[in-house]
Amino acid sequence: MEVQETRVQTDRVLTIPNILSMARLVGVPLFLWLILWPEFGGPKSDGWALLILALSGVTDYLDGKLARHWNQVSNLGRLLDPAADRLYILSTLVGLTWRGILPWWITGVLLARDLMLLVMVGILRRHGYPPPQVNFLGKAATFNLMYAFPLLLLSDGSGWLQSLAAIFGWAFAGWGTTLYWWAGVLYVVQVRRLVRADAAAD
């Protein structure tokens, strides 16, 4: 994460990039319901859940690309895009942990990082700084986790495909968790420098 201001190019709400981001948000509860359905006596619907997650990844790429290409970067879009990322990660963590696919300690590690960043965002706001933008390291962490979770979901079963999915899924999960915390620590360092600079200026 890095503290920087992205130039807002439009105040419009109903732009194609924003609609794509809204569609991603609408898919979050459906995705979580499909993952948890077997836990409540329903059929296993992991294939549909994976399809929604794949569509989310496509729209995640498109909304940012189109917003920049069509000069439709907006304040709403800056909020919706990272919110959708976080909600998909959170819903996947809840679903996979509930089903016993993901151990509790990994869920705790990832949620602790997000809690730490929420505290840092509060500190930034008190000092008059805008919400942070996701930098390359943060995007790389999200990219790895968004590959890890579908693979781990696919690994829930027996067979060579499930075994292969487990190997790659845990590899992506390890890389993603490490990068997730690395980006978070760098963000804390940046916030600390900003706070110290403000204190020195006073």
N, C-alpha and C. Protein backbone atom coordinates (compact mmCIF):
# COMPACT_ATOMS: atom_id res chain seq x y z
N MET A 1 0.84 -1.18 0.00
CA MET A 1 0.00 0.00 0.00
C MET A 1 0.88 1.24 0.00
N GLU A 2 0.40 2.29 -0.60
CA GLU A 2 1.14 3.52 -0.55
C GLU A 2 0.16 4.68 -0.46
N VAL A 3 0.58 5.74 0.25
CA VAL A 3 -0.27 6.88 0.44
C VAL A 3 -0.04 7.84 -0.71
N GLN A 4 -0.99 7.90 -1.62
CA GLN A 4 -0.87 8.78 -2.76
C GLN A 4 -2.27 9.11 -3.25
N GLU A 5 -2.39 10.23 -3.94
CA GLU A 5 -3.68 10.68 -4.42
C GLU A 5 -3.80 10.37 -5.90
N THR A 6 -4.82 9.63 -6.29
CA THR A 6 -5.09 9.37 -7.68
C THR A 6 -6.04 10.44 -8.20
N ARG A 7 -5.74 11.04 -9.32
CA ARG A 7 -6.55 12.13 -9.85
C ARG A 7 -7.92 11.62 -10.24
N VAL A 8 -8.96 12.22 -9.63
CA VAL A 8 -10.33 11.86 -9.96
C VAL A 8 -10.71 12.58 -11.24
N GLN A 9 -11.22 11.84 -12.24
CA GLN A 9 -11.51 12.41 -13.55
C GLN A 9 -13.00 12.58 -13.81
N THR A 10 -13.85 12.01 -12.94
CA THR A 10 -15.29 12.17 -13.11
C THR A 10 -15.99 11.99 -11.78
N ASP A 11 -17.11 12.69 -11.60
CA ASP A 11 -17.94 12.53 -10.40
C ASP A 11 -19.16 11.65 -10.68
N ARG A 12 -19.25 11.13 -11.91
CA ARG A 12 -20.39 10.29 -12.27
C ARG A 12 -20.38 8.99 -11.47
N VAL A 13 -21.58 8.52 -11.17
CA VAL A 13 -21.72 7.27 -10.42
C VAL A 13 -21.93 6.10 -11.37
N LEU A 14 -22.84 6.26 -12.34
CA LEU A 14 -23.19 5.17 -13.24
C LEU A 14 -22.27 5.15 -14.46
N THR A 15 -21.02 4.76 -14.20
CA THR A 15 -20.07 4.53 -15.29
C THR A 15 -19.91 3.02 -15.44
N ILE A 16 -19.43 2.58 -16.59
CA ILE A 16 -19.22 1.14 -16.82
C ILE A 16 -18.27 0.55 -15.77
N PRO A 17 -17.13 1.20 -15.45
CA PRO A 17 -16.26 0.63 -14.42
C PRO A 17 -16.94 0.50 -13.06
N ASN A 18 -17.74 1.51 -12.68
CA ASN A 18 -18.43 1.44 -11.39
C ASN A 18 -19.50 0.35 -11.38
N ILE A 19 -20.19 0.17 -12.50
CA ILE A 19 -21.21 -0.87 -12.60
C ILE A 19 -20.55 -2.25 -12.47
N LEU A 20 -19.38 -2.41 -13.08
CA LEU A 20 -18.65 -3.68 -12.94
C LEU A 20 -18.27 -3.93 -11.49
N SER A 21 -17.82 -2.88 -10.80
CA SER A 21 -17.45 -3.03 -9.39
C SER A 21 -18.68 -3.36 -8.54
N MET A 22 -19.81 -2.73 -8.85
CA MET A 22 -21.05 -3.03 -8.13
C MET A 22 -21.47 -4.48 -8.35
N ALA A 23 -21.31 -4.96 -9.59
CA ALA A 23 -21.66 -6.35 -9.89
C ALA A 23 -20.79 -7.31 -9.09
N ARG A 24 -19.52 -6.97 -8.92
CA ARG A 24 -18.63 -7.80 -8.10
C ARG A 24 -19.12 -7.86 -6.66
N LEU A 25 -19.57 -6.72 -6.13
CA LEU A 25 -20.07 -6.68 -4.76
C LEU A 25 -21.33 -7.52 -4.60
N VAL A 26 -22.21 -7.47 -5.60
CA VAL A 26 -23.44 -8.26 -5.56
C VAL A 26 -23.12 -9.75 -5.54
N GLY A 27 -22.03 -10.13 -6.18
CA GLY A 27 -21.66 -11.54 -6.24
C GLY A 27 -21.10 -12.10 -4.94
N VAL A 28 -20.69 -11.23 -4.01
CA VAL A 28 -20.07 -11.69 -2.76
C VAL A 28 -21.00 -12.60 -1.94
N PRO A 29 -22.24 -12.14 -1.59
CA PRO A 29 -23.10 -13.04 -0.79
C PRO A 29 -23.48 -14.32 -1.52
N LEU A 30 -23.66 -14.24 -2.85
CA LEU A 30 -23.98 -15.44 -3.62
C LEU A 30 -22.81 -16.42 -3.58
N PHE A 31 -21.61 -15.91 -3.72
CA PHE A 31 -20.40 -16.74 -3.67
C PHE A 31 -20.29 -17.44 -2.32
N LEU A 32 -20.49 -16.67 -1.22
CA LEU A 32 -20.38 -17.26 0.11
C LEU A 32 -21.46 -18.31 0.34
N TRP A 33 -22.67 -18.03 -0.14
CA TRP A 33 -23.77 -18.98 0.02
C TRP A 33 -23.46 -20.29 -0.71
N LEU A 34 -22.90 -20.21 -1.91
CA LEU A 34 -22.58 -21.41 -2.67
C LEU A 34 -21.50 -22.24 -1.97
N ILE A 35 -20.52 -21.58 -1.36
CA ILE A 35 -19.47 -22.30 -0.65
C ILE A 35 -20.04 -23.02 0.58
N LEU A 36 -20.93 -22.33 1.31
CA LEU A 36 -21.43 -22.87 2.58
C LEU A 36 -22.66 -23.76 2.42
N TRP A 37 -23.25 -23.82 1.26
CA TRP A 37 -24.48 -24.58 1.05
C TRP A 37 -24.35 -26.04 1.50
N PRO A 38 -23.24 -26.74 1.19
CA PRO A 38 -23.12 -28.14 1.65
C PRO A 38 -23.14 -28.27 3.17
N GLU A 39 -22.69 -27.23 3.88
CA GLU A 39 -22.68 -27.28 5.34
C GLU A 39 -24.08 -27.24 5.93
N PHE A 40 -25.06 -26.82 5.13
CA PHE A 40 -26.43 -26.70 5.60
C PHE A 40 -27.36 -27.68 4.89
N GLY A 41 -26.76 -28.77 4.40
CA GLY A 41 -27.56 -29.84 3.81
C GLY A 41 -27.82 -29.70 2.33
N GLY A 42 -27.25 -28.68 1.70
CA GLY A 42 -27.45 -28.48 0.26
C GLY A 42 -26.43 -29.23 -0.56
N PRO A 43 -26.59 -29.22 -1.88
CA PRO A 43 -25.62 -29.90 -2.75
C PRO A 43 -24.30 -29.13 -2.82
N LYS A 44 -23.26 -29.84 -3.15
CA LYS A 44 -21.96 -29.21 -3.31
C LYS A 44 -21.96 -28.40 -4.61
N SER A 45 -21.70 -27.10 -4.50
CA SER A 45 -21.79 -26.20 -5.65
C SER A 45 -20.49 -25.45 -5.87
N ASP A 46 -19.36 -26.14 -5.62
CA ASP A 46 -18.06 -25.49 -5.73
C ASP A 46 -17.78 -24.98 -7.14
N GLY A 47 -18.29 -25.70 -8.15
CA GLY A 47 -18.07 -25.27 -9.53
C GLY A 47 -18.68 -23.90 -9.81
N TRP A 48 -19.90 -23.69 -9.33
CA TRP A 48 -20.55 -22.39 -9.50
C TRP A 48 -19.83 -21.31 -8.70
N ALA A 49 -19.38 -21.66 -7.51
CA ALA A 49 -18.63 -20.69 -6.69
C ALA A 49 -17.33 -20.28 -7.39
N LEU A 50 -16.65 -21.26 -7.98
CA LEU A 50 -15.42 -20.96 -8.71
C LEU A 50 -15.70 -20.08 -9.93
N LEU A 51 -16.83 -20.31 -10.59
CA LEU A 51 -17.19 -19.49 -11.75
C LEU A 51 -17.40 -18.03 -11.33
N ILE A 52 -18.09 -17.82 -10.21
CA ILE A 52 -18.32 -16.45 -9.73
C ILE A 52 -16.99 -15.80 -9.36
N LEU A 53 -16.10 -16.56 -8.74
CA LEU A 53 -14.79 -16.02 -8.37
C LEU A 53 -13.98 -15.66 -9.61
N ALA A 54 -14.07 -16.50 -10.65
CA ALA A 54 -13.35 -16.22 -11.90
C ALA A 54 -13.90 -14.95 -12.56
N LEU A 55 -15.22 -14.81 -12.58
CA LEU A 55 -15.84 -13.61 -13.14
C LEU A 55 -15.45 -12.37 -12.35
N SER A 56 -15.33 -12.54 -11.04
CA SER A 56 -14.89 -11.43 -10.20
C SER A 56 -13.48 -10.98 -10.58
N GLY A 57 -12.61 -11.96 -10.85
CA GLY A 57 -11.25 -11.62 -11.25
C GLY A 57 -11.21 -10.88 -12.57
N VAL A 58 -12.05 -11.30 -13.52
CA VAL A 58 -12.11 -10.63 -14.82
C VAL A 58 -12.61 -9.20 -14.67
N THR A 59 -13.70 -9.01 -13.91
CA THR A 59 -14.24 -7.66 -13.74
C THR A 59 -13.30 -6.78 -12.92
N ASP A 60 -12.53 -7.39 -12.01
CA ASP A 60 -11.55 -6.63 -11.24
C ASP A 60 -10.50 -6.03 -12.18
N TYR A 61 -10.09 -6.80 -13.16
CA TYR A 61 -9.13 -6.30 -14.15
C TYR A 61 -9.77 -5.23 -15.04
N LEU A 62 -10.99 -5.50 -15.49
CA LEU A 62 -11.63 -4.62 -16.45
C LEU A 62 -12.02 -3.27 -15.86
N ASP A 63 -12.51 -3.25 -14.60
CA ASP A 63 -12.98 -1.97 -14.08
C ASP A 63 -11.86 -0.94 -13.98
N GLY A 64 -10.70 -1.36 -13.52
CA GLY A 64 -9.57 -0.44 -13.44
C GLY A 64 -9.05 -0.05 -14.82
N LYS A 65 -8.97 -1.05 -15.70
CA LYS A 65 -8.47 -0.79 -17.06
C LYS A 65 -9.37 0.19 -17.79
N LEU A 66 -10.67 -0.04 -17.74
CA LEU A 66 -11.61 0.82 -18.46
C LEU A 66 -11.70 2.20 -17.82
N ALA A 67 -11.61 2.27 -16.50
CA ALA A 67 -11.67 3.57 -15.82
C ALA A 67 -10.53 4.47 -16.27
N ARG A 68 -9.34 3.89 -16.41
CA ARG A 68 -8.20 4.70 -16.86
C ARG A 68 -8.29 5.01 -18.36
N HIS A 69 -8.71 4.02 -19.14
CA HIS A 69 -8.76 4.19 -20.59
C HIS A 69 -9.81 5.21 -21.01
N TRP A 70 -10.95 5.20 -20.30
CA TRP A 70 -12.06 6.11 -20.65
C TRP A 70 -12.11 7.36 -19.78
N ASN A 71 -11.03 7.58 -18.99
CA ASN A 71 -10.99 8.74 -18.10
C ASN A 71 -12.21 8.79 -17.18
N GLN A 72 -12.52 7.64 -16.56
CA GLN A 72 -13.68 7.54 -15.67
C GLN A 72 -13.28 7.13 -14.26
N VAL A 73 -12.06 7.54 -13.86
CA VAL A 73 -11.65 7.32 -12.48
C VAL A 73 -12.52 8.19 -11.58
N SER A 74 -13.11 7.60 -10.54
CA SER A 74 -14.02 8.35 -9.68
C SER A 74 -13.77 8.01 -8.21
N ASN A 75 -14.27 8.88 -7.34
CA ASN A 75 -14.16 8.62 -5.90
C ASN A 75 -14.90 7.34 -5.53
N LEU A 76 -16.08 7.13 -6.13
CA LEU A 76 -16.84 5.91 -5.84
C LEU A 76 -16.07 4.67 -6.28
N GLY A 77 -15.46 4.74 -7.46
CA GLY A 77 -14.69 3.61 -7.95
C GLY A 77 -13.50 3.30 -7.07
N ARG A 78 -12.88 4.33 -6.53
CA ARG A 78 -11.73 4.14 -5.64
C ARG A 78 -12.13 3.43 -4.36
N LEU A 79 -13.39 3.58 -3.97
CA LEU A 79 -13.89 2.89 -2.78
C LEU A 79 -14.39 1.48 -3.11
N LEU A 80 -15.11 1.35 -4.23
CA LEU A 80 -15.74 0.07 -4.57
C LEU A 80 -14.72 -1.02 -4.89
N ASP A 81 -13.68 -0.67 -5.65
CA ASP A 81 -12.73 -1.68 -6.12
C ASP A 81 -12.01 -2.38 -4.96
N PRO A 82 -11.34 -1.64 -4.05
CA PRO A 82 -10.69 -2.34 -2.93
C PRO A 82 -11.69 -2.99 -1.98
N ALA A 83 -12.89 -2.38 -1.84
CA ALA A 83 -13.92 -2.98 -0.97
C ALA A 83 -14.32 -4.36 -1.49
N ALA A 84 -14.51 -4.47 -2.81
CA ALA A 84 -14.87 -5.76 -3.40
C ALA A 84 -13.75 -6.78 -3.19
N ASP A 85 -12.49 -6.36 -3.38
CA ASP A 85 -11.36 -7.27 -3.14
C ASP A 85 -11.38 -7.81 -1.72
N ARG A 86 -11.53 -6.88 -0.75
CA ARG A 86 -11.49 -7.29 0.66
C ARG A 86 -12.67 -8.21 1.00
N LEU A 87 -13.85 -7.90 0.47
CA LEU A 87 -15.03 -8.71 0.79
C LEU A 87 -14.92 -10.11 0.19
N TYR A 88 -14.35 -10.23 -1.02
CA TYR A 88 -14.17 -11.56 -1.59
C TYR A 88 -13.15 -12.36 -0.77
N ILE A 89 -12.08 -11.70 -0.35
CA ILE A 89 -11.09 -12.39 0.47
C ILE A 89 -11.72 -12.81 1.80
N LEU A 90 -12.48 -11.90 2.42
CA LEU A 90 -13.12 -12.22 3.70
C LEU A 90 -14.13 -13.35 3.56
N SER A 91 -14.98 -13.28 2.53
CA SER A 91 -16.00 -14.32 2.36
C SER A 91 -15.36 -15.68 2.06
N THR A 92 -14.27 -15.67 1.30
CA THR A 92 -13.58 -16.92 1.01
C THR A 92 -12.93 -17.49 2.26
N LEU A 93 -12.32 -16.61 3.06
CA LEU A 93 -11.73 -17.05 4.33
C LEU A 93 -12.79 -17.70 5.22
N VAL A 94 -13.95 -17.03 5.33
CA VAL A 94 -15.03 -17.56 6.17
C VAL A 94 -15.49 -18.92 5.64
N GLY A 95 -15.74 -18.98 4.33
CA GLY A 95 -16.24 -20.21 3.74
C GLY A 95 -15.27 -21.38 3.86
N LEU A 96 -14.02 -21.14 3.49
CA LEU A 96 -13.03 -22.23 3.52
C LEU A 96 -12.70 -22.66 4.95
N THR A 97 -12.69 -21.70 5.87
CA THR A 97 -12.40 -22.05 7.26
C THR A 97 -13.57 -22.83 7.86
N TRP A 98 -14.79 -22.41 7.56
CA TRP A 98 -15.98 -23.10 8.06
C TRP A 98 -16.01 -24.54 7.59
N ARG A 99 -15.60 -24.76 6.35
CA ARG A 99 -15.62 -26.12 5.80
C ARG A 99 -14.39 -26.93 6.19
N GLY A 100 -13.45 -26.33 6.91
CA GLY A 100 -12.28 -27.04 7.37
C GLY A 100 -11.19 -27.18 6.32
N ILE A 101 -11.32 -26.48 5.20
CA ILE A 101 -10.30 -26.54 4.14
C ILE A 101 -9.10 -25.68 4.51
N LEU A 102 -9.36 -24.55 5.15
CA LEU A 102 -8.32 -23.60 5.54
C LEU A 102 -8.18 -23.63 7.06
N PRO A 103 -6.98 -23.77 7.60
CA PRO A 103 -6.82 -23.80 9.06
C PRO A 103 -7.10 -22.43 9.68
N TRP A 104 -7.54 -22.46 10.92
CA TRP A 104 -7.91 -21.22 11.61
C TRP A 104 -6.75 -20.25 11.72
N TRP A 105 -5.52 -20.76 11.88
CA TRP A 105 -4.41 -19.85 12.13
C TRP A 105 -4.10 -18.99 10.91
N ILE A 106 -4.27 -19.53 9.69
CA ILE A 106 -4.05 -18.71 8.49
C ILE A 106 -5.11 -17.63 8.40
N THR A 107 -6.35 -18.00 8.69
CA THR A 107 -7.43 -17.01 8.70
C THR A 107 -7.12 -15.91 9.70
N GLY A 108 -6.63 -16.29 10.88
CA GLY A 108 -6.29 -15.30 11.91
C GLY A 108 -5.17 -14.38 11.47
N VAL A 109 -4.15 -14.94 10.81
CA VAL A 109 -3.01 -14.14 10.34
C VAL A 109 -3.46 -13.10 9.32
N LEU A 110 -4.31 -13.51 8.37
CA LEU A 110 -4.77 -12.60 7.34
C LEU A 110 -5.71 -11.53 7.91
N LEU A 111 -6.60 -11.93 8.81
CA LEU A 111 -7.52 -10.97 9.40
C LEU A 111 -6.80 -9.99 10.31
N ALA A 112 -5.75 -10.45 11.00
CA ALA A 112 -4.96 -9.56 11.86
C ALA A 112 -4.29 -8.47 11.03
N ARG A 113 -3.84 -8.82 9.84
CA ARG A 113 -3.22 -7.82 8.95
C ARG A 113 -4.23 -6.77 8.53
N ASP A 114 -5.45 -7.20 8.20
CA ASP A 114 -6.48 -6.25 7.79
C ASP A 114 -6.90 -5.36 8.96
N LEU A 115 -6.94 -5.92 10.16
CA LEU A 115 -7.27 -5.12 11.34
C LEU A 115 -6.20 -4.06 11.59
N MET A 116 -4.95 -4.44 11.41
CA MET A 116 -3.85 -3.50 11.56
C MET A 116 -3.98 -2.34 10.57
N LEU A 117 -4.36 -2.66 9.32
CA LEU A 117 -4.50 -1.61 8.31
C LEU A 117 -5.68 -0.70 8.60
N LEU A 118 -6.75 -1.25 9.17
CA LEU A 118 -7.88 -0.41 9.55
C LEU A 118 -7.46 0.63 10.58
N VAL A 119 -6.62 0.23 11.52
CA VAL A 119 -6.10 1.17 12.51
C VAL A 119 -5.26 2.24 11.84
N MET A 120 -4.44 1.83 10.88
CA MET A 120 -3.59 2.79 10.18
C MET A 120 -4.41 3.78 9.35
N VAL A 121 -5.49 3.29 8.74
CA VAL A 121 -6.38 4.18 7.97
C VAL A 121 -6.99 5.23 8.89
N GLY A 122 -7.38 4.81 10.10
CA GLY A 122 -7.92 5.75 11.07
C GLY A 122 -6.91 6.81 11.45
N ILE A 123 -5.65 6.42 11.62
CA ILE A 123 -4.59 7.37 11.95
C ILE A 123 -4.40 8.36 10.79
N LEU A 124 -4.41 7.84 9.56
CA LEU A 124 -4.27 8.71 8.40
C LEU A 124 -5.38 9.76 8.34
N ARG A 125 -6.59 9.32 8.57
CA ARG A 125 -7.73 10.24 8.49
C ARG A 125 -7.64 11.33 9.55
N ARG A 126 -7.16 10.96 10.73
CA ARG A 126 -7.02 11.96 11.79
C ARG A 126 -6.00 13.02 11.41
N HIS A 127 -5.06 12.66 10.56
CA HIS A 127 -4.04 13.61 10.11
C HIS A 127 -4.39 14.25 8.77
N GLY A 128 -5.59 13.99 8.28
CA GLY A 128 -6.07 14.65 7.06
C GLY A 128 -5.60 14.03 5.77
N TYR A 129 -5.15 12.78 5.80
CA TYR A 129 -4.69 12.12 4.58
C TYR A 129 -5.81 11.24 4.01
N PRO A 130 -5.85 11.08 2.69
CA PRO A 130 -6.89 10.26 2.06
C PRO A 130 -6.61 8.77 2.28
N PRO A 131 -7.61 7.93 2.02
CA PRO A 131 -7.38 6.48 2.08
C PRO A 131 -6.26 6.09 1.13
N PRO A 132 -5.49 5.08 1.48
CA PRO A 132 -4.33 4.70 0.67
C PRO A 132 -4.73 4.01 -0.63
N GLN A 133 -3.85 4.11 -1.60
CA GLN A 133 -4.02 3.38 -2.84
C GLN A 133 -3.22 2.08 -2.77
N VAL A 134 -3.72 1.06 -3.43
CA VAL A 134 -3.03 -0.23 -3.43
C VAL A 134 -1.86 -0.17 -4.40
N ASN A 135 -0.65 -0.48 -3.92
CA ASN A 135 0.51 -0.46 -4.80
C ASN A 135 0.75 -1.85 -5.40
N PHE A 136 1.85 -1.99 -6.12
CA PHE A 136 2.13 -3.25 -6.83
C PHE A 136 2.25 -4.42 -5.86
N LEU A 137 2.89 -4.20 -4.71
CA LEU A 137 3.09 -5.28 -3.75
C LEU A 137 1.75 -5.76 -3.20
N GLY A 138 0.86 -4.81 -2.89
CA GLY A 138 -0.46 -5.18 -2.40
C GLY A 138 -1.27 -5.91 -3.45
N LYS A 139 -1.17 -5.45 -4.71
CA LYS A 139 -1.87 -6.13 -5.80
C LYS A 139 -1.34 -7.54 -6.00
N ALA A 140 -0.01 -7.69 -5.87
CA ALA A 140 0.59 -9.01 -6.03
C ALA A 140 0.11 -9.96 -4.94
N ALA A 141 -0.02 -9.44 -3.72
CA ALA A 141 -0.52 -10.27 -2.61
C ALA A 141 -1.95 -10.72 -2.89
N THR A 142 -2.80 -9.77 -3.31
CA THR A 142 -4.19 -10.11 -3.61
C THR A 142 -4.27 -11.10 -4.76
N PHE A 143 -3.42 -10.89 -5.78
CA PHE A 143 -3.37 -11.79 -6.93
C PHE A 143 -3.07 -13.23 -6.49
N ASN A 144 -2.08 -13.39 -5.61
CA ASN A 144 -1.72 -14.72 -5.14
C ASN A 144 -2.84 -15.36 -4.32
N LEU A 145 -3.47 -14.56 -3.46
CA LEU A 145 -4.55 -15.10 -2.64
C LEU A 145 -5.77 -15.46 -3.48
N MET A 146 -6.05 -14.66 -4.50
CA MET A 146 -7.20 -14.94 -5.35
C MET A 146 -6.98 -16.17 -6.23
N TYR A 147 -5.71 -16.57 -6.40
CA TYR A 147 -5.42 -17.85 -7.05
C TYR A 147 -5.44 -18.98 -6.02
N ALA A 148 -4.95 -18.69 -4.82
CA ALA A 148 -4.85 -19.73 -3.80
C ALA A 148 -6.22 -20.25 -3.39
N PHE A 149 -7.16 -19.36 -3.14
CA PHE A 149 -8.45 -19.76 -2.60
C PHE A 149 -9.24 -20.67 -3.54
N PRO A 150 -9.35 -20.35 -4.83
CA PRO A 150 -10.06 -21.28 -5.72
C PRO A 150 -9.39 -22.65 -5.81
N LEU A 151 -8.04 -22.64 -5.81
CA LEU A 151 -7.33 -23.91 -5.88
C LEU A 151 -7.56 -24.75 -4.62
N LEU A 152 -7.57 -24.08 -3.47
CA LEU A 152 -7.83 -24.81 -2.22
C LEU A 152 -9.26 -25.33 -2.18
N LEU A 153 -10.19 -24.55 -2.73
CA LEU A 153 -11.58 -25.02 -2.81
C LEU A 153 -11.66 -26.24 -3.73
N LEU A 154 -10.92 -26.18 -4.83
CA LEU A 154 -10.91 -27.30 -5.78
C LEU A 154 -10.25 -28.53 -5.17
N SER A 155 -9.37 -28.34 -4.20
CA SER A 155 -8.64 -29.46 -3.60
C SER A 155 -9.49 -30.26 -2.62
N ASP A 156 -10.72 -29.80 -2.34
CA ASP A 156 -11.59 -30.47 -1.38
C ASP A 156 -12.18 -31.74 -2.01
N GLY A 157 -11.44 -32.81 -1.91
CA GLY A 157 -11.88 -34.06 -2.50
C GLY A 157 -10.69 -34.99 -2.67
N SER A 158 -10.86 -36.07 -3.40
CA SER A 158 -9.77 -37.03 -3.63
C SER A 158 -9.57 -37.21 -5.12
N GLY A 159 -8.33 -37.45 -5.50
CA GLY A 159 -8.00 -37.62 -6.90
C GLY A 159 -6.77 -36.82 -7.27
N TRP A 160 -6.24 -37.09 -8.45
CA TRP A 160 -5.00 -36.42 -8.85
C TRP A 160 -5.21 -34.92 -9.07
N LEU A 161 -6.38 -34.53 -9.56
CA LEU A 161 -6.65 -33.12 -9.78
C LEU A 161 -6.70 -32.36 -8.45
N GLN A 162 -7.36 -32.97 -7.46
CA GLN A 162 -7.45 -32.34 -6.15
C GLN A 162 -6.07 -32.24 -5.49
N SER A 163 -5.25 -33.29 -5.67
CA SER A 163 -3.89 -33.26 -5.10
C SER A 163 -3.05 -32.17 -5.73
N LEU A 164 -3.16 -32.03 -7.06
CA LEU A 164 -2.41 -30.98 -7.76
C LEU A 164 -2.89 -29.60 -7.34
N ALA A 165 -4.20 -29.45 -7.20
CA ALA A 165 -4.76 -28.17 -6.77
C ALA A 165 -4.28 -27.81 -5.37
N ALA A 166 -4.16 -28.81 -4.50
CA ALA A 166 -3.69 -28.56 -3.14
C ALA A 166 -2.25 -28.07 -3.13
N ILE A 167 -1.40 -28.67 -3.96
CA ILE A 167 0.02 -28.28 -4.01
C ILE A 167 0.14 -26.81 -4.44
N PHE A 168 -0.48 -26.49 -5.56
CA PHE A 168 -0.38 -25.11 -6.07
C PHE A 168 -1.16 -24.13 -5.19
N GLY A 169 -2.28 -24.58 -4.64
CA GLY A 169 -3.08 -23.72 -3.78
C GLY A 169 -2.31 -23.29 -2.54
N TRP A 170 -1.64 -24.24 -1.89
CA TRP A 170 -0.88 -23.89 -0.70
C TRP A 170 0.35 -23.05 -1.03
N ALA A 171 0.93 -23.28 -2.21
CA ALA A 171 2.06 -22.45 -2.63
C ALA A 171 1.61 -21.00 -2.79
N PHE A 172 0.52 -20.78 -3.51
CA PHE A 172 0.00 -19.43 -3.68
C PHE A 172 -0.42 -18.82 -2.34
N ALA A 173 -0.99 -19.64 -1.46
CA ALA A 173 -1.41 -19.14 -0.15
C ALA A 173 -0.21 -18.66 0.67
N GLY A 174 0.89 -19.42 0.61
CA GLY A 174 2.10 -19.01 1.33
C GLY A 174 2.68 -17.72 0.80
N TRP A 175 2.80 -17.64 -0.54
CA TRP A 175 3.33 -16.41 -1.15
C TRP A 175 2.41 -15.23 -0.87
N GLY A 176 1.11 -15.46 -1.03
CA GLY A 176 0.15 -14.38 -0.84
C GLY A 176 0.14 -13.85 0.58
N THR A 177 0.17 -14.75 1.56
CA THR A 177 0.17 -14.33 2.96
C THR A 177 1.42 -13.54 3.30
N THR A 178 2.57 -14.01 2.79
CA THR A 178 3.84 -13.30 3.03
C THR A 178 3.80 -11.90 2.42
N LEU A 179 3.39 -11.81 1.15
CA LEU A 179 3.31 -10.51 0.49
C LEU A 179 2.27 -9.61 1.14
N TYR A 180 1.17 -10.20 1.60
CA TYR A 180 0.10 -9.44 2.25
C TYR A 180 0.65 -8.71 3.48
N TRP A 181 1.42 -9.45 4.28
CA TRP A 181 2.00 -8.83 5.47
C TRP A 181 3.14 -7.89 5.13
N TRP A 182 3.92 -8.22 4.12
CA TRP A 182 5.02 -7.35 3.70
C TRP A 182 4.46 -5.99 3.27
N ALA A 183 3.41 -6.01 2.45
CA ALA A 183 2.78 -4.76 2.03
C ALA A 183 2.23 -4.00 3.23
N GLY A 184 1.65 -4.74 4.20
CA GLY A 184 1.11 -4.10 5.39
C GLY A 184 2.17 -3.44 6.23
N VAL A 185 3.32 -4.10 6.40
CA VAL A 185 4.41 -3.52 7.20
C VAL A 185 4.96 -2.26 6.53
N LEU A 186 5.12 -2.31 5.20
CA LEU A 186 5.59 -1.12 4.49
C LEU A 186 4.61 0.03 4.64
N TYR A 187 3.34 -0.29 4.65
CA TYR A 187 2.32 0.73 4.82
C TYR A 187 2.42 1.37 6.20
N VAL A 188 2.62 0.54 7.24
CA VAL A 188 2.78 1.06 8.59
C VAL A 188 3.99 1.99 8.67
N VAL A 189 5.08 1.62 8.01
CA VAL A 189 6.28 2.47 7.99
C VAL A 189 5.97 3.82 7.34
N GLN A 190 5.22 3.80 6.23
CA GLN A 190 4.86 5.05 5.56
C GLN A 190 3.99 5.93 6.45
N VAL A 191 3.01 5.31 7.12
CA VAL A 191 2.13 6.08 8.01
C VAL A 191 2.94 6.68 9.15
N ARG A 192 3.86 5.92 9.69
CA ARG A 192 4.69 6.42 10.80
C ARG A 192 5.51 7.63 10.35
N ARG A 193 6.06 7.57 9.14
CA ARG A 193 6.85 8.70 8.64
C ARG A 193 5.99 9.94 8.46
N LEU A 194 4.77 9.75 7.95
CA LEU A 194 3.86 10.89 7.75
C LEU A 194 3.49 11.53 9.10
N VAL A 195 3.20 10.70 10.08
CA VAL A 195 2.83 11.21 11.40
C VAL A 195 4.00 11.97 12.02
N ARG A 196 5.20 11.42 11.88
CA ARG A 196 6.39 12.10 12.43
C ARG A 196 6.63 13.42 11.72
N ALA A 197 6.42 13.45 10.38
CA ALA A 197 6.61 14.69 9.63
C ALA A 197 5.61 15.75 10.07
N ASP A 198 4.37 15.32 10.33
CA ASP A 198 3.35 16.26 10.81
C ASP A 198 3.73 16.81 12.18
N ALA A 199 4.22 15.92 13.04
CA ALA A 199 4.60 16.34 14.39
C ALA A 199 5.77 17.33 14.35
N ALA A 200 6.73 17.07 13.44
CA ALA A 200 7.88 17.96 13.29
C ALA A 200 7.44 19.32 12.74
N ALA A 201 6.47 19.31 11.83
CA ALA A 201 5.99 20.57 11.23
C ALA A 201 5.28 21.43 12.26
N ASP A 202 4.61 20.77 13.25
CA ASP A 202 3.93 21.53 14.30
C ASP A 202 4.93 22.10 15.29
